[in-house]
N, C-alpha and C. Protein backbone atom coordinates (compact mmCIF):
# COMPACT_ATOMS: atom_id res chain seq x y z
N MET A 1 -9.95 14.80 -28.38
CA MET A 1 -8.60 15.20 -28.04
C MET A 1 -8.67 16.42 -27.14
N ASN A 2 -7.91 16.36 -26.06
CA ASN A 2 -7.93 17.51 -25.16
C ASN A 2 -6.96 18.60 -25.63
N VAL A 3 -6.97 19.71 -24.94
CA VAL A 3 -6.19 20.88 -25.33
C VAL A 3 -4.69 20.57 -25.31
N LYS A 4 -4.23 19.82 -24.35
CA LYS A 4 -2.81 19.49 -24.23
C LYS A 4 -2.34 18.69 -25.45
N ASN A 5 -3.12 17.71 -25.87
CA ASN A 5 -2.76 16.91 -27.04
C ASN A 5 -2.78 17.74 -28.32
N LYS A 6 -3.73 18.67 -28.44
CA LYS A 6 -3.80 19.53 -29.61
C LYS A 6 -2.54 20.40 -29.70
N ILE A 7 -2.09 20.91 -28.58
CA ILE A 7 -0.87 21.74 -28.55
C ILE A 7 0.34 20.90 -28.94
N LEU A 8 0.44 19.68 -28.43
CA LEU A 8 1.56 18.80 -28.77
C LEU A 8 1.57 18.47 -30.26
N VAL A 9 0.39 18.24 -30.84
CA VAL A 9 0.30 17.94 -32.27
C VAL A 9 0.75 19.16 -33.09
N LYS A 10 0.33 20.35 -32.69
CA LYS A 10 0.74 21.56 -33.40
C LYS A 10 2.25 21.78 -33.30
N ILE A 11 2.83 21.53 -32.14
CA ILE A 11 4.27 21.66 -31.96
C ILE A 11 5.01 20.66 -32.85
N LEU A 12 4.52 19.43 -32.86
CA LEU A 12 5.15 18.39 -33.69
C LEU A 12 5.07 18.75 -35.18
N ILE A 13 3.93 19.21 -35.62
CA ILE A 13 3.78 19.62 -37.02
C ILE A 13 4.72 20.79 -37.34
N GLY A 14 4.82 21.73 -36.42
CA GLY A 14 5.72 22.87 -36.61
C GLY A 14 7.18 22.42 -36.74
N ILE A 15 7.60 21.48 -35.92
CA ILE A 15 8.97 20.97 -35.98
C ILE A 15 9.22 20.28 -37.32
N VAL A 16 8.27 19.47 -37.75
CA VAL A 16 8.41 18.76 -39.04
C VAL A 16 8.51 19.77 -40.18
N VAL A 17 7.70 20.80 -40.16
CA VAL A 17 7.73 21.83 -41.21
C VAL A 17 9.07 22.56 -41.21
N ILE A 18 9.57 22.92 -40.05
CA ILE A 18 10.86 23.61 -39.95
C ILE A 18 11.99 22.73 -40.47
N VAL A 19 12.02 21.48 -40.08
CA VAL A 19 13.06 20.55 -40.56
C VAL A 19 12.97 20.40 -42.08
N ALA A 20 11.77 20.29 -42.61
CA ALA A 20 11.60 20.16 -44.07
C ALA A 20 12.10 21.41 -44.79
N ILE A 21 11.82 22.57 -44.25
CA ILE A 21 12.28 23.82 -44.86
C ILE A 21 13.80 23.89 -44.84
N VAL A 22 14.42 23.53 -43.73
CA VAL A 22 15.89 23.55 -43.64
C VAL A 22 16.50 22.59 -44.65
N ILE A 23 15.96 21.39 -44.77
CA ILE A 23 16.48 20.40 -45.72
C ILE A 23 16.31 20.90 -47.16
N LEU A 24 15.16 21.43 -47.48
CA LEU A 24 14.93 21.95 -48.83
C LEU A 24 15.84 23.13 -49.14
N PHE A 25 16.01 24.03 -48.18
CA PHE A 25 16.90 25.18 -48.38
C PHE A 25 18.32 24.70 -48.65
N GLN A 26 18.78 23.76 -47.86
CA GLN A 26 20.13 23.23 -48.05
C GLN A 26 20.23 22.53 -49.41
N PHE A 27 19.23 21.79 -49.79
CA PHE A 27 19.23 21.08 -51.06
C PHE A 27 19.34 22.05 -52.24
N PHE A 28 18.53 23.08 -52.24
CA PHE A 28 18.53 24.02 -53.36
C PHE A 28 19.71 24.98 -53.32
N ASN A 29 20.29 25.17 -52.16
CA ASN A 29 21.40 26.10 -52.01
C ASN A 29 22.75 25.48 -52.38
N MET A 30 22.87 24.17 -52.35
CA MET A 30 24.16 23.52 -52.52
C MET A 30 24.14 22.47 -53.64
N LYS A 31 23.54 22.75 -54.78
CA LYS A 31 23.49 21.76 -55.85
C LYS A 31 24.86 21.44 -56.41
N LYS A 32 25.72 22.45 -56.52
CA LYS A 32 27.08 22.26 -57.01
C LYS A 32 28.03 23.06 -56.13
N PHE A 33 29.22 22.54 -55.94
CA PHE A 33 30.22 23.34 -55.24
C PHE A 33 31.62 22.85 -55.60
N ARG A 34 32.56 23.73 -55.38
CA ARG A 34 33.98 23.42 -55.55
C ARG A 34 34.66 23.70 -54.23
N ILE A 35 35.65 22.90 -53.91
CA ILE A 35 36.41 23.11 -52.68
C ILE A 35 37.44 24.19 -52.96
N ASN A 36 37.31 25.31 -52.29
CA ASN A 36 38.23 26.42 -52.44
C ASN A 36 39.42 26.20 -51.50
N THR A 37 40.59 25.98 -52.06
CA THR A 37 41.76 25.64 -51.24
C THR A 37 42.75 26.80 -51.11
N ILE A 38 42.37 27.99 -51.50
CA ILE A 38 43.29 29.13 -51.52
C ILE A 38 43.84 29.47 -50.13
N ASP A 39 43.01 29.57 -49.13
CA ASP A 39 43.45 30.00 -47.80
C ASP A 39 43.67 28.83 -46.83
N ILE A 40 43.77 27.62 -47.33
CA ILE A 40 43.94 26.45 -46.48
C ILE A 40 45.37 26.42 -45.92
N VAL A 41 45.48 26.25 -44.60
CA VAL A 41 46.79 26.19 -43.95
C VAL A 41 47.05 24.83 -43.30
N LYS A 42 45.99 24.02 -43.21
CA LYS A 42 46.14 22.71 -42.57
C LYS A 42 45.06 21.78 -43.08
N VAL A 43 45.43 20.50 -43.23
CA VAL A 43 44.47 19.47 -43.62
C VAL A 43 44.71 18.28 -42.70
N THR A 44 43.62 17.68 -42.23
CA THR A 44 43.74 16.40 -41.51
C THR A 44 43.02 15.35 -42.34
N ILE A 45 43.64 14.17 -42.40
CA ILE A 45 43.06 13.05 -43.13
C ILE A 45 43.02 11.87 -42.18
N GLN A 46 41.86 11.25 -42.08
CA GLN A 46 41.71 10.08 -41.22
C GLN A 46 41.41 8.86 -42.07
N TYR A 47 42.12 7.79 -41.77
CA TYR A 47 41.88 6.49 -42.40
C TYR A 47 41.79 5.48 -41.28
N LYS A 48 40.63 4.88 -41.11
CA LYS A 48 40.34 3.99 -39.99
C LYS A 48 40.68 4.73 -38.70
N THR A 49 41.65 4.24 -37.92
CA THR A 49 41.98 4.91 -36.65
C THR A 49 43.21 5.80 -36.76
N GLN A 50 43.81 5.86 -37.95
CA GLN A 50 45.00 6.68 -38.15
C GLN A 50 44.61 8.06 -38.67
N GLU A 51 45.33 9.07 -38.19
CA GLU A 51 45.07 10.43 -38.66
C GLU A 51 46.40 11.12 -38.93
N ILE A 52 46.45 11.82 -40.04
CA ILE A 52 47.65 12.56 -40.45
C ILE A 52 47.26 14.03 -40.60
N THR A 53 48.15 14.91 -40.17
CA THR A 53 47.97 16.34 -40.36
C THR A 53 49.03 16.84 -41.33
N ILE A 54 48.60 17.59 -42.32
CA ILE A 54 49.52 18.17 -43.30
C ILE A 54 49.52 19.68 -43.11
N LYS A 55 50.70 20.24 -42.84
CA LYS A 55 50.85 21.69 -42.68
C LYS A 55 51.94 22.26 -43.60
N GLU A 56 52.87 21.40 -44.02
CA GLU A 56 53.97 21.88 -44.86
C GLU A 56 53.42 22.35 -46.20
N SER A 57 53.87 23.50 -46.64
CA SER A 57 53.33 24.16 -47.82
C SER A 57 53.34 23.27 -49.07
N GLU A 58 54.46 22.64 -49.35
CA GLU A 58 54.57 21.82 -50.56
C GLU A 58 53.63 20.63 -50.52
N LYS A 59 53.58 19.93 -49.39
CA LYS A 59 52.69 18.77 -49.25
C LYS A 59 51.22 19.20 -49.25
N LEU A 60 50.96 20.35 -48.65
CA LEU A 60 49.60 20.87 -48.60
C LEU A 60 49.12 21.20 -50.01
N ASP A 61 49.97 21.85 -50.81
CA ASP A 61 49.60 22.16 -52.20
C ASP A 61 49.34 20.89 -52.99
N GLU A 62 50.19 19.90 -52.80
CA GLU A 62 50.03 18.63 -53.51
C GLU A 62 48.71 17.96 -53.14
N PHE A 63 48.38 17.96 -51.85
CA PHE A 63 47.13 17.35 -51.41
C PHE A 63 45.93 18.14 -51.96
N CYS A 64 45.98 19.45 -51.85
CA CYS A 64 44.86 20.29 -52.29
C CYS A 64 44.61 20.18 -53.79
N ASP A 65 45.67 19.92 -54.56
CA ASP A 65 45.50 19.75 -56.01
C ASP A 65 44.56 18.59 -56.34
N ASN A 66 44.45 17.65 -55.43
CA ASN A 66 43.56 16.50 -55.64
C ASN A 66 42.09 16.89 -55.55
N PHE A 67 41.79 18.10 -55.03
CA PHE A 67 40.40 18.51 -54.84
C PHE A 67 40.05 19.85 -55.46
N SER A 68 41.02 20.69 -55.71
CA SER A 68 40.74 22.09 -56.02
C SER A 68 40.03 22.33 -57.35
N ASN A 69 40.19 21.49 -58.33
CA ASN A 69 39.57 21.74 -59.64
C ASN A 69 38.37 20.85 -59.92
N LYS A 70 37.86 20.22 -58.93
CA LYS A 70 36.73 19.31 -59.12
C LYS A 70 35.41 20.00 -58.77
N GLU A 71 34.43 19.80 -59.63
CA GLU A 71 33.10 20.29 -59.32
C GLU A 71 32.28 19.12 -58.79
N PHE A 72 31.74 19.29 -57.59
CA PHE A 72 30.92 18.27 -56.97
C PHE A 72 29.46 18.64 -57.15
N VAL A 73 28.67 17.67 -57.61
CA VAL A 73 27.25 17.88 -57.90
C VAL A 73 26.43 17.09 -56.88
N LEU A 74 25.43 17.77 -56.32
CA LEU A 74 24.55 17.14 -55.35
C LEU A 74 23.89 15.92 -55.95
N ASN A 75 23.90 14.80 -55.20
CA ASN A 75 23.34 13.56 -55.73
C ASN A 75 22.08 13.17 -54.96
N LYS A 76 22.23 12.87 -53.65
CA LYS A 76 21.07 12.48 -52.84
C LYS A 76 21.44 12.60 -51.37
N SER A 77 20.45 12.45 -50.52
CA SER A 77 20.67 12.54 -49.08
C SER A 77 21.49 11.35 -48.59
N ALA A 78 22.36 11.61 -47.63
CA ALA A 78 23.15 10.55 -47.02
C ALA A 78 22.63 10.21 -45.63
N LEU A 79 21.42 10.60 -45.36
CA LEU A 79 20.80 10.36 -44.06
C LEU A 79 20.85 8.88 -43.71
N GLY A 80 21.42 8.56 -42.58
CA GLY A 80 21.51 7.18 -42.12
C GLY A 80 22.69 6.40 -42.65
N HIS A 81 23.49 7.02 -43.53
CA HIS A 81 24.64 6.32 -44.10
C HIS A 81 25.72 6.14 -43.03
N LYS A 82 26.34 4.98 -43.05
CA LYS A 82 27.44 4.70 -42.13
C LYS A 82 28.62 4.22 -42.96
N GLY A 83 29.81 4.60 -42.53
CA GLY A 83 31.03 4.14 -43.16
C GLY A 83 31.59 5.10 -44.18
N TRP A 84 32.91 5.05 -44.34
CA TRP A 84 33.62 5.88 -45.30
C TRP A 84 35.03 5.36 -45.45
N MET A 85 35.70 5.81 -46.51
CA MET A 85 37.09 5.42 -46.75
C MET A 85 38.04 6.36 -46.02
N TYR A 86 37.86 7.66 -46.24
CA TYR A 86 38.71 8.69 -45.64
C TYR A 86 37.84 9.84 -45.15
N ARG A 87 38.28 10.45 -44.06
CA ARG A 87 37.63 11.67 -43.59
C ARG A 87 38.65 12.79 -43.74
N VAL A 88 38.23 13.87 -44.39
CA VAL A 88 39.14 14.97 -44.70
C VAL A 88 38.58 16.26 -44.11
N LYS A 89 39.48 17.03 -43.48
CA LYS A 89 39.10 18.34 -42.92
C LYS A 89 40.11 19.38 -43.41
N PHE A 90 39.58 20.48 -43.96
CA PHE A 90 40.39 21.60 -44.41
C PHE A 90 40.21 22.76 -43.43
N TYR A 91 41.34 23.39 -43.05
CA TYR A 91 41.32 24.49 -42.09
C TYR A 91 41.98 25.74 -42.67
N THR A 92 41.43 26.90 -42.31
CA THR A 92 42.14 28.15 -42.52
C THR A 92 42.87 28.44 -41.20
N THR A 93 43.44 29.61 -41.06
CA THR A 93 44.19 29.91 -39.84
C THR A 93 43.32 29.90 -38.59
N ASP A 94 42.04 30.19 -38.74
CA ASP A 94 41.21 30.31 -37.54
C ASP A 94 40.00 29.39 -37.45
N LYS A 95 39.71 28.61 -38.52
CA LYS A 95 38.53 27.75 -38.39
C LYS A 95 38.51 26.61 -39.40
N LEU A 96 37.66 25.64 -39.10
CA LEU A 96 37.40 24.51 -39.99
C LEU A 96 36.52 25.00 -41.13
N ILE A 97 36.94 24.73 -42.38
CA ILE A 97 36.20 25.18 -43.55
C ILE A 97 35.39 24.05 -44.18
N TYR A 98 36.03 22.90 -44.39
CA TYR A 98 35.36 21.75 -44.99
C TYR A 98 35.60 20.52 -44.13
N ASP A 99 34.58 19.72 -43.97
CA ASP A 99 34.66 18.44 -43.26
C ASP A 99 33.80 17.47 -44.06
N PHE A 100 34.45 16.54 -44.76
CA PHE A 100 33.70 15.61 -45.59
C PHE A 100 34.36 14.24 -45.56
N THR A 101 33.62 13.24 -46.02
CA THR A 101 34.18 11.89 -46.11
C THR A 101 34.21 11.46 -47.56
N ILE A 102 35.25 10.71 -47.90
CA ILE A 102 35.38 10.17 -49.25
C ILE A 102 34.79 8.78 -49.24
N GLN A 103 33.84 8.54 -50.15
CA GLN A 103 33.16 7.25 -50.24
C GLN A 103 33.81 6.36 -51.30
N ASP A 104 34.15 6.95 -52.42
CA ASP A 104 34.84 6.25 -53.50
C ASP A 104 35.52 7.29 -54.38
N GLU A 105 36.01 6.90 -55.54
CA GLU A 105 36.81 7.81 -56.35
C GLU A 105 36.05 9.00 -56.93
N ASN A 106 34.74 8.98 -56.87
CA ASN A 106 34.00 10.15 -57.36
C ASN A 106 32.84 10.57 -56.45
N THR A 107 32.82 10.09 -55.21
CA THR A 107 31.72 10.41 -54.31
C THR A 107 32.24 10.83 -52.94
N ILE A 108 31.68 11.93 -52.43
CA ILE A 108 31.95 12.36 -51.07
C ILE A 108 30.62 12.59 -50.36
N ILE A 109 30.67 12.62 -49.04
CA ILE A 109 29.52 13.05 -48.25
C ILE A 109 29.92 14.36 -47.58
N TYR A 110 29.12 15.40 -47.83
CA TYR A 110 29.38 16.74 -47.30
C TYR A 110 28.07 17.32 -46.80
N ASN A 111 28.05 17.74 -45.55
CA ASN A 111 26.84 18.32 -44.94
C ASN A 111 25.63 17.40 -45.04
N GLY A 112 25.84 16.10 -44.93
CA GLY A 112 24.72 15.15 -44.93
C GLY A 112 24.19 14.78 -46.30
N TRP A 113 24.91 15.14 -47.37
CA TRP A 113 24.47 14.85 -48.73
C TRP A 113 25.59 14.17 -49.51
N TYR A 114 25.20 13.27 -50.41
CA TYR A 114 26.15 12.69 -51.35
C TYR A 114 26.40 13.71 -52.45
N TYR A 115 27.67 13.88 -52.80
CA TYR A 115 28.07 14.70 -53.95
C TYR A 115 28.95 13.84 -54.83
N LYS A 116 28.78 14.01 -56.13
CA LYS A 116 29.58 13.24 -57.09
C LYS A 116 30.31 14.21 -58.02
N THR A 117 31.48 13.78 -58.46
CA THR A 117 32.20 14.49 -59.49
C THR A 117 32.17 13.62 -60.73
N GLU A 118 31.73 14.20 -61.82
CA GLU A 118 31.51 13.43 -63.04
C GLU A 118 32.79 13.16 -63.81
N GLU A 119 33.58 14.19 -64.03
CA GLU A 119 34.73 14.07 -64.92
C GLU A 119 36.03 13.76 -64.19
N ASP A 120 36.31 14.50 -63.15
CA ASP A 120 37.57 14.32 -62.43
C ASP A 120 37.34 13.40 -61.25
N ILE A 121 38.23 12.45 -61.10
CA ILE A 121 38.08 11.53 -59.97
C ILE A 121 39.09 11.89 -58.88
N ILE A 122 38.79 11.45 -57.68
CA ILE A 122 39.70 11.61 -56.55
C ILE A 122 40.74 10.52 -56.65
N ASP A 123 41.99 10.89 -56.57
CA ASP A 123 43.09 9.94 -56.71
C ASP A 123 43.24 9.14 -55.41
N LEU A 124 42.59 7.98 -55.38
CA LEU A 124 42.62 7.14 -54.17
C LEU A 124 44.00 6.51 -53.96
N SER A 125 44.76 6.28 -55.01
CA SER A 125 46.10 5.72 -54.82
C SER A 125 46.99 6.73 -54.11
N TYR A 126 46.80 8.01 -54.40
CA TYR A 126 47.53 9.06 -53.67
C TYR A 126 47.14 9.04 -52.19
N MET A 127 45.84 8.88 -51.93
CA MET A 127 45.36 8.82 -50.54
C MET A 127 45.97 7.62 -49.82
N GLU A 128 46.02 6.48 -50.49
CA GLU A 128 46.62 5.28 -49.90
C GLU A 128 48.10 5.50 -49.59
N ASP A 129 48.81 6.14 -50.51
CA ASP A 129 50.25 6.40 -50.32
C ASP A 129 50.53 7.25 -49.09
N ILE A 130 49.63 8.15 -48.76
CA ILE A 130 49.81 8.99 -47.58
C ILE A 130 49.95 8.13 -46.32
N PHE A 131 49.19 7.05 -46.27
CA PHE A 131 49.16 6.23 -45.06
C PHE A 131 50.11 5.03 -45.09
N LYS A 132 50.79 4.82 -46.20
CA LYS A 132 51.75 3.71 -46.27
C LYS A 132 52.91 4.00 -45.32
N GLY A 133 53.33 2.97 -44.62
CA GLY A 133 54.49 3.11 -43.74
C GLY A 133 54.16 3.63 -42.35
N LEU A 134 52.91 3.82 -42.05
CA LEU A 134 52.57 4.27 -40.69
C LEU A 134 52.46 3.10 -39.74
């Protein structure tokens, strides 16, 4: 092996090590989390090609109640997963805080990982009602 190939192999190994460290850090850093909805001023929900924005205080509180008391536990990597039921984004006044997809009544994908809620389920009938009549 010539010098150029040795350098390329070292670079490739370095990249693999860095990616592995980032994945492990994220895995150990986010085993459990709760969606904090205190400062949320806007939510967008996408279902297929339809998207709804909620900004009204009463509707926003009602929507956030569906997520605010749930503890999500890290399950497994969602690498390569395609498809979802709903895509939800929570915003504060100046930035996007949460961007996740709902897979079923107790599973979301957040930051490339599956998270499950054991006790409290996501009210999918409420989600369906949001899009009725559009």
